[in-house]
Structure formats: structure tokens, C-alpha cells
Amino acid sequence: MPESTPASLFNSVVVPPRVAVGGAGASKQYLRDTLYHRRRVIPADLSNTTAWKAANHLRTLLGQLGPSAVALYVPRGSEVNIMPLVEDLWQWQQTVCLPRVISRGYPLAFNVWAQGEKLGHDALGIPAADGPEIIPAVIVMPMLGYSRRGYRLGSGGGYYDLTLSHLKQPVITVGVCHTELEVSDFPAEPHDHRLNHIVTGREIIHCL
């Protein structure tokens, strides 16, 4: 998208009324299609600036939370890239781990990523660590869209919601997203977990 694209393109997304046949699921699919398009047309320079600012906000938030172990993610496509933060966490003596897809329909596992270790791949071909499996104190996850109440729209696999439903101890959840992909009326469903915090290029939102 050229830099002259009007700012109105990135106004908060409004979800259409939920039709009786499809309900929230149909609204989510419409929203997901809309947000994929919006994210694809975000200019590269704006996306890079967002990544840098979001990493700084996340660094501040994690400094306040002081977790013992943090789960990050390896960005795919145009997801916000927070990987530069990894070196800082290692220097702070934090335990860093990455999610691993075991199989479709199963919760994620989280494996420790030690400094200097090369990454392998999980069942979906996503880069993943091969260290010991742990339950992190903070889970940082990518988002396709978000609401300020803490609801997250992912890519549709449902892995994070399923994982949070199966964890046997409480964790702090942080979603990372482009500011431009805020949703004004999120079509929440019973299985949706609200996030504790949201980080964008503009701000830190405290949801819970």
C-alpha cells in the first residue's frame, strides 16, 4: 500500500450483525478474512516500526511482571515480529520457551529455547525449540485482531484457547498485534479466553 493510503482504511473494524444460521462463528470468519486483508496492506515501514515499538512495550511489561519463564512466538507472515526481544530475555537470565504444535486438536507444548540452540520444527512446520517441556509464567501470543476487553482473534486453529483450557496452573497472557487491527465489537464465544494484557505499537492495554 502506498504511503498516501488514507488513514480511514485502518479504522477499528466493525463486525456485521450475527446471522442466526452462522452465529458468532460466521462473524469471526468474516472478521478474519477482513483482517487478513487489512494486515497484508499495512506498509512495510509501518510494520517494521510497529515491531520495534511493540518489542519495547513488551520489554517494559515483562520488566514489571518479572516472570521466571516467558513463552514467545516465531512470527509467521505479517505477524508482529518480537524476536529481537529474545536476546534481552537471555541476558536477564529469563527462561525463554516456544510453543510446539503436537498434533491438530491437541494443546500446545512449550519447550525451552536455550541461548545458541538451533530451532527445529513442530507438526505444522513452525520453528520450535527442542529443550525441556515447561509451563511458562507468561505466554506471549500473536493476534490477527483484538478488542480492548481482551478478546483475541487468531488464525483459526484454536490452539491457544485449547491450551489455556488445559493448563493446570494459572498463567499471564499477553497478545501482540498491529494497532490498526483493533475490533470494535468482538463476536466472543464461550471458549474464548480473555487476555491479561495486549501490546501494540502504540500502547500496553491492561485487560484484566
C-alpha atoms as a PDB file:
ATOM      1  CA  MET A   1       0.000   0.000   0.000  1.00  0.00           C
ATOM      2  CA  PRO A   2       1.435   3.410  -0.877  1.00  0.00           C
ATOM      3  CA  GLU A   3       2.054   5.877   1.907  1.00  0.00           C
ATOM      4  CA  SER A   4      -0.764   8.056   0.567  1.00  0.00           C
ATOM      5  CA  THR A   5      -3.400   5.487   1.536  1.00  0.00           C
ATOM      6  CA  PRO A   6      -5.994   7.273   3.691  1.00  0.00           C
ATOM      7  CA  ALA A   7      -5.912   6.617   7.422  1.00  0.00           C
ATOM      8  CA  SER A   8      -9.610   5.679   7.276  1.00  0.00           C
ATOM      9  CA  LEU A   9      -8.557   2.323   5.849  1.00  0.00           C
ATOM     10  CA  PHE A  10      -7.304   1.408   9.293  1.00  0.00           C
ATOM     11  CA  ASN A  11     -10.298   2.476  11.371  1.00  0.00           C
ATOM     12  CA  SER A  12     -11.393  -0.016  14.009  1.00  0.00           C
ATOM     13  CA  VAL A  13     -13.176  -2.935  12.355  1.00  0.00           C
ATOM     14  CA  VAL A  14     -16.920  -3.233  12.867  1.00  0.00           C
ATOM     15  CA  VAL A  15     -18.299  -6.765  12.789  1.00  0.00           C
ATOM     16  CA  PRO A  16     -21.576  -7.239  10.886  1.00  0.00           C
ATOM     17  CA  PRO A  17     -24.668  -8.404  12.807  1.00  0.00           C
ATOM     18  CA  ARG A  18     -24.523 -12.100  13.601  1.00  0.00           C
ATOM     19  CA  VAL A  19     -26.822 -14.085  11.379  1.00  0.00           C
ATOM     20  CA  ALA A  20     -28.897 -16.776  13.028  1.00  0.00           C
ATOM     21  CA  VAL A  21     -27.523 -19.538  10.807  1.00  0.00           C
ATOM     22  CA  GLY A  22     -23.825 -18.915  11.408  1.00  0.00           C
ATOM     23  CA  GLY A  23     -23.832 -17.041  14.712  1.00  0.00           C
ATOM     24  CA  ALA A  24     -20.540 -15.898  16.196  1.00  0.00           C
ATOM     25  CA  GLY A  25     -18.587 -18.408  14.131  1.00  0.00           C
ATOM     26  CA  ALA A  26     -19.759 -16.851  10.883  1.00  0.00           C
ATOM     27  CA  SER A  27     -18.981 -13.346  12.157  1.00  0.00           C
ATOM     28  CA  LYS A  28     -15.496 -14.483  13.163  1.00  0.00           C
ATOM     29  CA  GLN A  29     -14.779 -15.898   9.729  1.00  0.00           C
ATOM     30  CA  TYR A  30     -15.909 -12.674   8.072  1.00  0.00           C
ATOM     31  CA  LEU A  31     -13.768 -10.725  10.524  1.00  0.00           C
ATOM     32  CA  ARG A  32     -10.785 -12.999   9.970  1.00  0.00           C
ATOM     33  CA  ASP A  33     -10.989 -12.540   6.193  1.00  0.00           C
ATOM     34  CA  THR A  34     -11.264  -8.765   6.620  1.00  0.00           C
ATOM     35  CA  LEU A  35      -8.330  -8.529   9.000  1.00  0.00           C
ATOM     36  CA  TYR A  36      -6.085 -10.744   6.878  1.00  0.00           C
ATOM     37  CA  HIS A  37      -6.635  -8.298   4.038  1.00  0.00           C
ATOM     38  CA  ARG A  38      -6.007  -5.260   6.230  1.00  0.00           C
ATOM     39  CA  ARG A  39      -2.829  -6.738   7.648  1.00  0.00           C
ATOM     40  CA  ARG A  40      -1.486  -7.565   4.194  1.00  0.00           C
ATOM     41  CA  VAL A  41      -1.773  -3.948   3.045  1.00  0.00           C
ATOM     42  CA  ILE A  42      -0.014  -2.402   6.049  1.00  0.00           C
ATOM     43  CA  PRO A  43       3.117  -0.734   4.596  1.00  0.00           C
ATOM     44  CA  ALA A  44       6.424  -2.438   5.352  1.00  0.00           C
ATOM     45  CA  ASP A  45       7.863   0.652   7.041  1.00  0.00           C
ATOM     46  CA  LEU A  46       4.825   0.916   9.336  1.00  0.00           C
ATOM     47  CA  SER A  47       5.004  -2.789  10.120  1.00  0.00           C
ATOM     48  CA  ASN A  48       8.707  -2.516  10.996  1.00  0.00           C
ATOM     49  CA  THR A  49       8.057   0.493  13.228  1.00  0.00           C
ATOM     50  CA  THR A  50       5.233  -1.383  14.942  1.00  0.00           C
ATOM     51  CA  ALA A  51       7.506  -4.350  15.603  1.00  0.00           C
ATOM     52  CA  TRP A  52      10.186  -2.127  17.168  1.00  0.00           C
ATOM     53  CA  LYS A  53       7.697  -0.233  19.351  1.00  0.00           C
ATOM     54  CA  ALA A  54       5.784  -3.361  20.348  1.00  0.00           C
ATOM     55  CA  ALA A  55       9.002  -5.082  21.403  1.00  0.00           C
ATOM     56  CA  ASN A  56       9.846  -2.063  23.585  1.00  0.00           C
ATOM     57  CA  HIS A  57       6.380  -2.076  25.165  1.00  0.00           C
ATOM     58  CA  LEU A  58       6.637  -5.813  25.764  1.00  0.00           C
ATOM     59  CA  ARG A  59      10.094  -5.361  27.292  1.00  0.00           C
ATOM     60  CA  THR A  60       8.595  -2.811  29.714  1.00  0.00           C
ATOM     61  CA  LEU A  61       5.654  -5.051  30.590  1.00  0.00           C
ATOM     62  CA  LEU A  62       7.810  -8.112  31.217  1.00  0.00           C
ATOM     63  CA  GLY A  63      10.110  -5.994  33.368  1.00  0.00           C
ATOM     64  CA  GLN A  64       7.098  -5.110  35.515  1.00  0.00           C
ATOM     65  CA  LEU A  65       5.770  -8.668  35.662  1.00  0.00           C
ATOM     66  CA  GLY A  66       9.158 -10.228  36.399  1.00  0.00           C
ATOM     67  CA  PRO A  67       8.261 -13.732  35.178  1.00  0.00           C
ATOM     68  CA  SER A  68      10.555 -16.717  35.623  1.00  0.00           C
ATOM     69  CA  ALA A  69       9.740 -18.176  32.211  1.00  0.00           C
ATOM     70  CA  VAL A  70       8.320 -16.497  29.110  1.00  0.00           C
ATOM     71  CA  ALA A  71       6.795 -18.153  26.055  1.00  0.00           C
ATOM     72  CA  LEU A  72       7.339 -16.113  22.901  1.00  0.00           C
ATOM     73  CA  TYR A  73       6.428 -16.980  19.299  1.00  0.00           C
ATOM     74  CA  VAL A  74       8.194 -17.075  15.962  1.00  0.00           C
ATOM     75  CA  PRO A  75       6.236 -14.745  13.656  1.00  0.00           C
ATOM     76  CA  ARG A  76       4.620 -16.105  10.528  1.00  0.00           C
ATOM     77  CA  GLY A  77       3.800 -13.946   7.545  1.00  0.00           C
ATOM     78  CA  SER A  78       2.953 -10.423   8.657  1.00  0.00           C
ATOM     79  CA  GLU A  79       2.580 -11.152  12.387  1.00  0.00           C
ATOM     80  CA  VAL A  80       4.359  -8.628  14.623  1.00  0.00           C
ATOM     81  CA  ASN A  81       7.986  -9.682  14.986  1.00  0.00           C
ATOM     82  CA  ILE A  82       9.118  -9.614  18.627  1.00  0.00           C
ATOM     83  CA  MET A  83      12.125 -11.900  18.145  1.00  0.00           C
ATOM     84  CA  PRO A  84      14.682  -9.120  18.862  1.00  0.00           C
ATOM     85  CA  LEU A  85      13.480  -9.297  22.460  1.00  0.00           C
ATOM     86  CA  VAL A  86      14.884 -12.811  22.897  1.00  0.00           C
ATOM     87  CA  GLU A  87      18.471 -11.672  23.397  1.00  0.00           C
ATOM     88  CA  ASP A  88      17.360  -9.269  26.142  1.00  0.00           C
ATOM     89  CA  LEU A  89      15.498 -12.012  27.976  1.00  0.00           C
ATOM     90  CA  TRP A  90      18.502 -14.294  27.833  1.00  0.00           C
ATOM     91  CA  GLN A  91      20.696 -11.501  29.210  1.00  0.00           C
ATOM     92  CA  TRP A  92      18.190 -11.051  32.050  1.00  0.00           C
ATOM     93  CA  GLN A  93      18.600 -14.746  32.853  1.00  0.00           C
ATOM     94  CA  GLN A  94      15.000 -15.400  31.901  1.00  0.00           C
ATOM     95  CA  THR A  95      13.907 -18.811  30.694  1.00  0.00           C
ATOM     96  CA  VAL A  96      12.592 -18.487  27.138  1.00  0.00           C
ATOM     97  CA  CYS A  97      10.383 -21.101  25.544  1.00  0.00           C
ATOM     98  CA  LEU A  98       8.432 -21.503  22.315  1.00  0.00           C
ATOM     99  CA  PRO A  99       5.103 -23.189  21.596  1.00  0.00           C
ATOM    100  CA  ARG A 100       5.030 -26.505  19.784  1.00  0.00           C
ATOM    101  CA  VAL A 101       2.093 -27.964  17.885  1.00  0.00           C
ATOM    102  CA  ILE A 102       1.981 -31.676  18.719  1.00  0.00           C
ATOM    103  CA  SER A 103      -0.981 -32.509  16.521  1.00  0.00           C
ATOM    104  CA  ARG A 104      -4.189 -30.873  15.351  1.00  0.00           C
ATOM    105  CA  GLY A 105      -6.788 -30.793  18.105  1.00  0.00           C
ATOM    106  CA  TYR A 106      -4.225 -31.089  20.919  1.00  0.00           C
ATOM    107  CA  PRO A 107      -2.967 -28.387  23.332  1.00  0.00           C
ATOM    108  CA  LEU A 108       0.354 -26.734  22.653  1.00  0.00           C
ATOM    109  CA  ALA A 109       3.519 -27.827  24.416  1.00  0.00           C
ATOM    110  CA  PHE A 110       6.136 -25.264  25.457  1.00  0.00           C
ATOM    111  CA  ASN A 111       9.803 -26.173  25.096  1.00  0.00           C
ATOM    112  CA  VAL A 112      12.763 -24.258  26.491  1.00  0.00           C
ATOM    113  CA  TRP A 113      14.871 -22.386  23.943  1.00  0.00           C
ATOM    114  CA  ALA A 114      18.382 -22.089  25.327  1.00  0.00           C
ATOM    115  CA  GLN A 115      20.722 -19.385  24.055  1.00  0.00           C
ATOM    116  CA  GLY A 116      22.635 -20.510  20.983  1.00  0.00           C
ATOM    117  CA  GLU A 117      20.482 -23.553  20.282  1.00  0.00           C
ATOM    118  CA  LYS A 118      19.109 -24.013  16.791  1.00  0.00           C
ATOM    119  CA  LEU A 119      15.385 -24.436  16.322  1.00  0.00           C
ATOM    120  CA  GLY A 120      13.650 -27.480  14.912  1.00  0.00           C
ATOM    121  CA  HIS A 121      10.073 -27.620  13.622  1.00  0.00           C
ATOM    122  CA  ASP A 122       6.748 -28.723  15.051  1.00  0.00           C
ATOM    123  CA  ALA A 123       3.988 -30.778  13.443  1.00  0.00           C
ATOM    124  CA  LEU A 124       2.922 -27.825  11.272  1.00  0.00           C
ATOM    125  CA  GLY A 125       6.441 -26.930  10.190  1.00  0.00           C
ATOM    126  CA  ILE A 126       6.630 -23.897  12.500  1.00  0.00           C
ATOM    127  CA  PRO A 127      10.036 -23.253  14.122  1.00  0.00           C
ATOM    128  CA  ALA A 128      10.064 -24.718  17.638  1.00  0.00           C
ATOM    129  CA  ALA A 129      12.571 -25.366  20.398  1.00  0.00           C
ATOM    130  CA  ASP A 130      13.721 -28.820  21.466  1.00  0.00           C
ATOM    131  CA  GLY A 131      14.502 -28.165  25.141  1.00  0.00           C
ATOM    132  CA  PRO A 132      12.662 -29.464  28.210  1.00  0.00           C
ATOM    133  CA  GLU A 133       8.902 -29.005  28.273  1.00  0.00           C
ATOM    134  CA  ILE A 134       7.677 -26.472  30.856  1.00  0.00           C
ATOM    135  CA  ILE A 135       4.643 -24.359  31.726  1.00  0.00           C
ATOM    136  CA  PRO A 136       5.680 -20.701  31.344  1.00  0.00           C
ATOM    137  CA  ALA A 137       4.608 -17.970  33.739  1.00  0.00           C
ATOM    138  CA  VAL A 138       3.773 -15.662  30.811  1.00  0.00           C
ATOM    139  CA  ILE A 139       2.523 -16.677  27.382  1.00  0.00           C
ATOM    140  CA  VAL A 140       3.007 -14.086  24.635  1.00  0.00           C
ATOM    141  CA  MET A 141       0.942 -14.858  21.552  1.00  0.00           C
ATOM    142  CA  PRO A 142       0.357 -13.321  18.127  1.00  0.00           C
ATOM    143  CA  MET A 143      -3.046 -11.980  17.113  1.00  0.00           C
ATOM    144  CA  LEU A 144      -4.848 -11.248  13.891  1.00  0.00           C
ATOM    145  CA  GLY A 145      -7.160  -8.830  15.707  1.00  0.00           C
ATOM    146  CA  TYR A 146      -8.169  -7.807  19.209  1.00  0.00           C
ATOM    147  CA  SER A 147     -10.716  -5.941  21.313  1.00  0.00           C
ATOM    148  CA  ARG A 148      -9.818  -3.687  24.201  1.00  0.00           C
ATOM    149  CA  ARG A 149     -11.739  -6.016  26.533  1.00  0.00           C
ATOM    150  CA  GLY A 150      -9.033  -8.607  25.970  1.00  0.00           C
ATOM    151  CA  TYR A 151     -10.529 -10.822  23.301  1.00  0.00           C
ATOM    152  CA  ARG A 152      -8.151 -12.195  20.694  1.00  0.00           C
ATOM    153  CA  LEU A 153      -8.736 -13.344  17.147  1.00  0.00           C
ATOM    154  CA  GLY A 154      -6.139 -15.834  15.981  1.00  0.00           C
ATOM    155  CA  SER A 155      -5.602 -17.646  12.713  1.00  0.00           C
ATOM    156  CA  GLY A 156      -8.406 -20.105  13.395  1.00  0.00           C
ATOM    157  CA  GLY A 157      -6.574 -23.172  14.689  1.00  0.00           C
ATOM    158  CA  GLY A 158      -7.794 -22.686  18.252  1.00  0.00           C
ATOM    159  CA  TYR A 159      -4.518 -23.886  19.759  1.00  0.00           C
ATOM    160  CA  TYR A 160      -4.047 -21.153  22.338  1.00  0.00           C
ATOM    161  CA  ASP A 161      -7.621 -21.256  23.671  1.00  0.00           C
ATOM    162  CA  LEU A 162      -7.441 -25.048  23.899  1.00  0.00           C
ATOM    163  CA  THR A 163      -4.087 -24.845  25.667  1.00  0.00           C
ATOM    164  CA  LEU A 164      -5.306 -22.293  28.219  1.00  0.00           C
ATOM    165  CA  SER A 165      -8.293 -24.536  28.970  1.00  0.00           C
ATOM    166  CA  HIS A 166      -5.979 -27.456  29.776  1.00  0.00           C
ATOM    167  CA  LEU A 167      -3.224 -25.757  31.779  1.00  0.00           C
ATOM    168  CA  LYS A 168      -3.075 -26.922  35.380  1.00  0.00           C
ATOM    169  CA  GLN A 169      -1.713 -23.672  36.765  1.00  0.00           C
ATOM    170  CA  PRO A 170      -2.530 -20.009  36.123  1.00  0.00           C
ATOM    171  CA  VAL A 171      -0.502 -18.075  33.569  1.00  0.00           C
ATOM    172  CA  ILE A 172      -0.406 -14.456  32.450  1.00  0.00           C
ATOM    173  CA  THR A 173      -1.422 -13.984  28.829  1.00  0.00           C
ATOM    174  CA  VAL A 174      -0.186 -11.210  26.538  1.00  0.00           C
ATOM    175  CA  GLY A 175      -1.386 -10.699  22.968  1.00  0.00           C
ATOM    176  CA  VAL A 176       0.654  -8.769  20.401  1.00  0.00           C
ATOM    177  CA  CYS A 177      -0.979  -7.117  17.410  1.00  0.00           C
ATOM    178  CA  HIS A 178      -0.893  -4.219  14.983  1.00  0.00           C
ATOM    179  CA  THR A 179      -2.730  -1.210  16.407  1.00  0.00           C
ATOM    180  CA  GLU A 180      -4.690  -0.897  13.159  1.00  0.00           C
ATOM    181  CA  LEU A 181      -6.407  -4.269  13.698  1.00  0.00           C
ATOM    182  CA  GLU A 182      -8.474  -3.359  16.753  1.00  0.00           C
ATOM    183  CA  VAL A 183     -12.037  -4.733  16.625  1.00  0.00           C
ATOM    184  CA  SER A 184     -14.843  -2.576  17.992  1.00  0.00           C
ATOM    185  CA  ASP A 185     -17.339  -5.403  18.589  1.00  0.00           C
ATOM    186  CA  PHE A 186     -15.770  -8.805  19.070  1.00  0.00           C
ATOM    187  CA  PRO A 187     -18.044 -11.817  18.409  1.00  0.00           C
ATOM    188  CA  ALA A 188     -16.961 -13.700  21.535  1.00  0.00           C
ATOM    189  CA  GLU A 189     -17.795 -17.365  22.073  1.00  0.00           C
ATOM    190  CA  PRO A 190     -17.805 -19.373  25.345  1.00  0.00           C
ATOM    191  CA  HIS A 191     -14.401 -20.947  24.644  1.00  0.00           C
ATOM    192  CA  ASP A 192     -12.661 -17.594  24.089  1.00  0.00           C
ATOM    193  CA  HIS A 193     -10.188 -16.699  26.831  1.00  0.00           C
ATOM    194  CA  ARG A 194      -9.693 -13.026  27.623  1.00  0.00           C
ATOM    195  CA  LEU A 195      -6.109 -11.832  27.711  1.00  0.00           C
ATOM    196  CA  ASN A 196      -4.492 -10.169  30.695  1.00  0.00           C
ATOM    197  CA  HIS A 197      -2.620  -7.650  28.543  1.00  0.00           C
ATOM    198  CA  ILE A 198      -2.411  -6.526  24.927  1.00  0.00           C
ATOM    199  CA  VAL A 199       0.678  -4.950  23.372  1.00  0.00           C
ATOM    200  CA  THR A 200       0.572  -2.939  20.147  1.00  0.00           C
ATOM    201  CA  GLY A 201       2.903  -0.469  18.528  1.00  0.00           C
ATOM    202  CA  ARG A 202       1.023   2.297  20.305  1.00  0.00           C
ATOM    203  CA  GLU A 203       0.403   1.071  23.837  1.00  0.00           C
ATOM    204  CA  ILE A 204       0.040  -1.541  26.535  1.00  0.00           C
ATOM    205  CA  ILE A 205      -3.591  -2.354  27.297  1.00  0.00           C
ATOM    206  CA  HIS A 206      -4.343  -3.893  30.679  1.00  0.00           C
ATOM    207  CA  CYS A 207      -7.457  -6.023  30.224  1.00  0.00           C
ATOM    208  CA  LEU A 208      -7.884  -7.995  33.449  1.00  0.00           C
END
